[in-house]
Amino acid sequence: MEPSMQPETHRDRSALMRLCTLGATALLIGATFGSAAVAAIKRIPYPEVKVTVGTAYKPDPAFQKMRSAFAAAVAKKDLTALAALVAPTFLWTIGGQPADDMDLGRGPMHNFKVVFGFREQGKDVDGGVKEGPYWDSLESFTSDSTFYAATDAGNLVCGPMAGEVADSDVLDEAGKKIASGDEQVEWYFTLSNTDVARAPNDSGQPIAKVSSVALPALSFFPTAKEGQPEPKATHIEVLLPSGKSGWIPASAARPLFSERLCYARTPSGDWKIASYEQPGE
């Protein structure tokens, strides 16, 4: 299943980097998910955006071994150990096509290093990347535990979990209706049946139940106190198709448009990091 796409650049990670502080069950890409601002949204009714969630992959022992080694390498910031997990056919794609900045002449590890800020594009030596290397992004990939089978044979697995919009025209219509100005709406999709609460941690009767739909994000909870680091977000305030708002657990949602890592099983049965995928147009 191909994930739904929208324009994105690998340096503009703001919408994709919000879930890094969610906790072990819901970590995604990036470094700031908390009180960070989202696009202004009109709180009015919009067409419901149905999503088909990818086929979940249950890791086999070899996959779990690779993931453990991946997590250990990132935790230790051990580039040598990390490099051993990168497939010799590693690809960097945007919208399913090779990225313009991917340099086939320099080899897979060069492209991996460029993607994750170890070296500048076109350079032969490491360093020189502003805010690089992007260990936080790598850590978010190691921490998320949702994967989907990208092929029927199950030899290519990607994460985080993907969702495919049932009707892209409906998504476009909904986005245009609620967007304010030129800002893009940040959509999150629910992984399964999810209760919508009146407030974060509210244990009362839910105001709605949603299942496999995309919802615009309005805000995140808890918010940061002045002078304090971003807290771990536990809930997302979302806009329902009715125009009402409510809160869902952050662990129940994933960004609709997200960067992903894919892993391939080798003929020997081992797993390697096979590709880095970005949404495209």
Protein backbone atom coordinates (compact mmCIF):
# COMPACT_ATOMS: atom_id res chain seq x y z
CA MET A 1 0.00 0.00 0.00
CA GLU A 2 1.33 3.39 -0.93
CA PRO A 3 0.85 6.09 1.73
CA SER A 4 -1.05 9.22 0.78
CA MET A 5 1.18 12.03 -0.37
CA GLN A 6 1.54 15.80 -0.15
CA PRO A 7 4.41 18.18 -0.96
CA GLU A 8 7.29 18.05 1.53
CA THR A 9 11.00 18.76 1.71
CA HIS A 10 13.39 16.78 3.89
CA ARG A 11 14.57 19.94 5.63
CA ASP A 12 11.04 21.16 6.44
CA ARG A 13 10.20 18.66 9.17
CA SER A 14 8.03 20.79 11.48
CA ALA A 15 4.74 18.94 10.96
CA LEU A 16 6.45 15.56 10.91
CA MET A 17 8.62 16.11 13.97
CA ARG A 18 5.88 16.62 16.54
CA LEU A 19 5.63 13.10 17.88
CA CYS A 20 9.16 12.54 19.14
CA THR A 21 8.17 13.34 22.73
CA LEU A 22 5.05 11.17 22.82
CA GLY A 23 6.50 8.21 24.65
CA ALA A 24 7.55 4.71 23.64
CA THR A 25 4.20 3.64 22.21
CA ALA A 26 3.69 6.58 19.92
CA LEU A 27 7.02 8.06 18.93
CA LEU A 28 7.28 9.18 15.35
CA ILE A 29 9.64 11.45 13.49
CA GLY A 30 11.30 14.49 14.92
CA ALA A 31 11.89 16.46 18.04
CA THR A 32 9.02 18.74 19.04
CA PHE A 33 5.53 17.51 19.69
CA GLY A 34 3.81 19.43 22.44
CA SER A 35 2.71 23.02 22.45
CA ALA A 36 4.09 23.76 18.99
CA ALA A 37 1.67 25.79 16.96
CA VAL A 38 -0.38 24.31 14.14
CA ALA A 39 -2.00 26.01 11.19
CA ALA A 40 -5.03 28.17 11.91
CA ILE A 41 -8.17 26.17 11.14
CA LYS A 42 -11.76 27.27 10.74
CA ARG A 43 -13.88 25.34 13.23
CA ILE A 44 -16.67 24.51 10.82
CA PRO A 45 -18.13 21.25 9.41
CA TYR A 46 -16.23 19.55 6.61
CA PRO A 47 -16.56 16.30 4.61
CA GLU A 48 -15.42 13.19 6.48
CA VAL A 49 -12.06 11.92 5.20
CA LYS A 50 -11.99 8.11 5.27
CA VAL A 51 -8.62 6.36 5.50
CA THR A 52 -7.58 2.78 4.84
CA VAL A 53 -4.95 1.79 7.39
CA GLY A 54 -2.02 -0.32 6.18
CA THR A 55 -1.75 -4.03 6.89
CA ALA A 56 0.07 -4.31 10.19
CA TYR A 57 3.30 -6.30 10.21
CA LYS A 58 4.15 -8.44 13.22
CA PRO A 59 7.94 -8.48 13.55
CA ASP A 60 9.71 -11.83 13.25
CA PRO A 61 12.77 -12.60 15.42
CA ALA A 62 15.22 -11.45 12.74
CA PHE A 63 13.37 -8.15 12.36
CA GLN A 64 13.33 -7.65 16.12
CA LYS A 65 17.08 -8.34 16.23
CA MET A 66 17.72 -5.68 13.60
CA ARG A 67 15.50 -3.20 15.39
CA SER A 68 17.33 -3.80 18.69
CA ALA A 69 20.68 -3.24 16.99
CA PHE A 70 19.29 -0.10 15.34
CA ALA A 71 18.07 1.29 18.67
CA ALA A 72 21.39 0.49 20.38
CA ALA A 73 23.42 2.17 17.63
CA VAL A 74 21.30 5.31 17.80
CA ALA A 75 21.33 5.42 21.60
CA LYS A 76 25.14 5.24 21.58
CA LYS A 77 25.39 7.54 18.55
CA ASP A 78 27.53 4.82 16.99
CA LEU A 79 27.75 5.58 13.29
CA THR A 80 29.86 2.50 12.55
CA ALA A 81 27.24 0.18 14.05
CA LEU A 82 24.50 2.11 12.29
CA ALA A 83 26.26 1.84 8.93
CA ALA A 84 26.33 -1.97 9.27
CA LEU A 85 22.52 -1.94 9.21
CA VAL A 86 22.18 0.08 6.00
CA ALA A 87 21.43 -2.00 2.90
CA PRO A 88 23.85 -1.77 -0.05
CA THR A 89 20.81 -0.81 -2.15
CA PHE A 90 19.62 1.99 0.16
CA LEU A 91 17.33 4.45 -1.64
CA TRP A 92 16.09 7.94 -0.86
CA THR A 93 12.75 8.60 -2.50
CA ILE A 94 10.19 11.39 -2.70
CA GLY A 95 6.72 10.41 -3.77
CA GLY A 96 7.99 7.00 -4.81
CA GLN A 97 10.66 8.42 -7.12
CA PRO A 98 14.41 8.81 -6.47
CA ALA A 99 15.11 12.13 -4.75
CA ASP A 100 16.80 14.75 -6.89
CA ASP A 101 19.56 15.05 -4.27
CA MET A 102 20.28 11.32 -4.20
CA ASP A 103 23.72 10.73 -5.67
CA LEU A 104 23.89 7.23 -7.17
CA GLY A 105 27.57 7.72 -7.94
CA ARG A 106 28.59 8.05 -4.30
CA GLY A 107 26.92 4.95 -2.90
CA PRO A 108 24.16 4.17 -0.41
CA MET A 109 25.96 5.21 2.78
CA HIS A 110 26.67 8.65 1.36
CA ASN A 111 22.97 9.17 0.69
CA PHE A 112 22.04 7.85 4.13
CA LYS A 113 24.45 10.34 5.70
CA VAL A 114 23.04 13.22 3.67
CA VAL A 115 19.46 12.34 4.63
CA PHE A 116 20.26 12.28 8.34
CA GLY A 117 22.61 15.24 8.47
CA PHE A 118 25.96 13.52 8.88
CA ARG A 119 27.36 15.26 5.81
CA GLU A 120 26.38 17.87 3.24
CA GLN A 121 25.01 16.89 -0.14
CA GLY A 122 27.84 16.55 -2.67
CA LYS A 123 30.57 16.34 -0.02
CA ASP A 124 32.90 13.40 0.60
CA VAL A 125 33.49 14.09 4.30
CA ASP A 126 31.19 14.21 7.29
CA GLY A 127 30.23 17.36 9.17
CA GLY A 128 29.16 20.85 8.23
CA VAL A 129 25.40 20.24 8.48
CA LYS A 130 23.45 22.75 10.55
CA GLU A 131 21.93 20.95 13.57
CA GLY A 132 23.21 17.66 12.18
CA PRO A 133 23.48 14.76 12.61
CA TYR A 134 19.75 14.21 13.09
CA TRP A 135 19.99 11.65 15.87
CA ASP A 136 16.58 12.71 17.20
CA SER A 137 14.95 11.76 13.91
CA LEU A 138 16.69 8.40 13.93
CA GLU A 139 15.66 7.87 17.54
CA SER A 140 12.03 8.50 16.67
CA PHE A 141 12.21 5.77 14.03
CA THR A 142 13.70 3.34 16.53
CA SER A 143 10.99 4.11 19.08
CA ASP A 144 7.86 3.73 16.96
CA SER A 145 6.52 0.19 16.97
CA THR A 146 3.96 0.38 14.16
CA PHE A 147 4.90 -1.19 10.84
CA TYR A 148 3.09 -2.23 7.69
CA ALA A 149 3.90 -4.72 4.97
CA ALA A 150 4.70 -2.75 1.81
CA THR A 151 4.69 -5.87 -0.38
CA ASP A 152 2.48 -8.95 -0.47
CA ALA A 153 5.54 -11.13 0.00
CA GLY A 154 6.31 -9.35 3.28
CA ASN A 155 9.97 -8.80 2.37
CA LEU A 156 9.65 -5.01 2.57
CA VAL A 157 8.31 -3.46 5.76
CA CYS A 158 7.90 0.26 6.50
CA GLY A 159 7.17 2.35 9.54
CA PRO A 160 5.48 4.30 10.99
CA MET A 161 2.10 2.90 9.99
CA ALA A 162 0.65 4.41 6.81
CA GLY A 163 -2.87 5.42 5.90
CA GLU A 164 -4.27 5.85 2.42
CA VAL A 165 -7.07 8.35 1.81
CA ALA A 166 -10.09 6.68 0.24
CA ASP A 167 -10.91 9.72 -1.92
CA SER A 168 -8.29 12.41 -2.49
CA ASP A 169 -10.93 14.80 -3.84
CA VAL A 170 -12.73 14.65 -0.49
CA LEU A 171 -9.46 15.43 1.30
CA ASP A 172 -8.85 18.40 -0.98
CA GLU A 173 -12.38 19.68 -0.46
CA ALA A 174 -12.14 19.33 3.30
CA GLY A 175 -8.75 21.02 3.43
CA LYS A 176 -9.87 23.99 1.38
CA LYS A 177 -12.97 24.40 3.51
CA ILE A 178 -11.25 24.60 6.88
CA ALA A 179 -7.85 26.07 5.95
CA SER A 180 -7.12 29.65 6.85
CA GLY A 181 -4.88 31.51 4.43
CA ASP A 182 -2.09 29.62 2.71
CA GLU A 183 -1.20 27.43 5.67
CA GLN A 184 -1.57 23.69 5.21
CA VAL A 185 -3.76 21.68 7.53
CA GLU A 186 -1.99 19.03 9.59
CA TRP A 187 -3.95 15.78 9.26
CA TYR A 188 -3.67 12.82 11.61
CA PHE A 189 -5.39 9.50 11.06
CA THR A 190 -6.70 7.13 13.70
CA LEU A 191 -5.34 3.60 13.76
CA SER A 192 -8.55 1.98 15.04
CA ASN A 193 -11.80 2.75 16.88
CA THR A 194 -11.07 5.76 19.07
CA ASP A 195 -13.10 7.66 21.65
CA VAL A 196 -13.13 11.45 21.40
CA ALA A 197 -13.16 13.10 24.82
CA ARG A 198 -14.27 16.56 25.89
CA ALA A 199 -10.86 17.25 27.41
CA PRO A 200 -7.51 15.51 27.84
CA ASN A 201 -7.72 12.66 30.36
CA ASP A 202 -11.52 13.08 30.62
CA SER A 203 -13.00 9.74 31.68
CA GLY A 204 -16.62 10.75 31.08
CA GLN A 205 -18.89 9.80 28.22
CA PRO A 206 -17.06 10.42 24.92
CA ILE A 207 -18.53 13.07 22.67
CA ALA A 208 -17.91 10.90 19.60
CA LYS A 209 -16.24 7.76 18.33
CA VAL A 210 -14.08 7.74 15.21
CA SER A 211 -12.49 4.94 13.22
CA SER A 212 -9.94 5.05 10.39
CA VAL A 213 -10.50 8.70 9.54
CA ALA A 214 -8.21 11.68 9.02
CA LEU A 215 -8.70 14.58 11.42
CA PRO A 216 -7.13 18.06 11.48
CA ALA A 217 -4.99 18.84 14.53
CA LEU A 218 -5.92 21.95 16.51
CA SER A 219 -3.57 21.74 19.49
CA PHE A 220 -1.63 19.38 21.72
CA PHE A 221 -1.61 18.59 25.44
CA PRO A 222 0.14 19.27 27.72
CA THR A 223 1.55 22.63 26.73
CA ALA A 224 4.99 23.84 27.72
CA LYS A 225 5.46 26.23 30.60
CA GLU A 226 7.54 29.30 29.97
CA GLY A 227 11.23 28.53 30.17
CA GLN A 228 10.60 24.78 30.34
CA PRO A 229 11.34 22.14 27.67
CA GLU A 230 8.50 20.69 25.61
CA PRO A 231 6.63 18.06 27.65
CA LYS A 232 5.60 14.70 26.31
CA ALA A 233 2.29 15.15 24.52
CA THR A 234 -0.39 12.70 25.51
CA HIS A 235 -3.41 14.04 23.61
CA ILE A 236 -4.27 15.79 20.36
CA GLU A 237 -7.16 18.20 20.01
CA VAL A 238 -8.84 17.41 16.69
CA LEU A 239 -11.61 18.93 14.61
CA LEU A 240 -14.43 16.50 13.89
CA PRO A 241 -16.37 16.55 10.60
CA SER A 242 -19.30 18.02 12.53
CA GLY A 243 -17.27 21.14 13.26
CA LYS A 244 -16.99 20.25 16.95
CA SER A 245 -13.62 19.65 18.57
CA GLY A 246 -12.45 17.00 21.01
CA TRP A 247 -9.39 15.15 22.25
CA ILE A 248 -7.92 11.79 21.28
CA PRO A 249 -4.92 9.95 22.76
CA ALA A 250 -1.76 10.71 20.82
CA SER A 251 -0.99 6.97 20.83
CA ALA A 252 -4.12 6.38 18.72
CA ALA A 253 -3.03 8.60 15.82
CA ARG A 254 -0.31 8.98 13.25
CA PRO A 255 0.46 11.82 10.80
CA LEU A 256 -1.29 11.25 7.49
CA PHE A 257 1.73 12.63 5.61
CA SER A 258 4.91 11.29 7.15
CA GLU A 259 8.49 10.39 6.44
CA ARG A 260 9.17 6.66 6.74
CA LEU A 261 11.97 4.14 6.93
CA CYS A 262 11.59 0.86 5.08
CA TYR A 263 13.40 -2.37 5.86
CA ALA A 264 14.17 -5.19 3.44
CA ARG A 265 14.77 -8.85 4.21
CA THR A 266 17.95 -10.13 2.57
CA PRO A 267 18.30 -13.59 0.98
CA SER A 268 20.10 -14.69 4.16
CA GLY A 269 17.08 -13.75 6.24
CA ASP A 270 18.60 -10.66 7.84
CA TRP A 271 16.88 -7.26 7.73
CA LYS A 272 18.51 -4.03 6.60
CA ILE A 273 17.45 -0.38 6.36
CA ALA A 274 16.46 -0.26 2.71
CA SER A 275 14.99 3.18 2.06
CA TYR A 276 14.01 6.54 3.41
CA GLU A 277 10.71 7.71 1.95
CA GLN A 278 9.28 11.22 1.87
CA PRO A 279 5.82 12.26 0.78
CA GLY A 280 5.67 13.80 -2.67
CA GLU A 281 3.24 15.82 -4.72
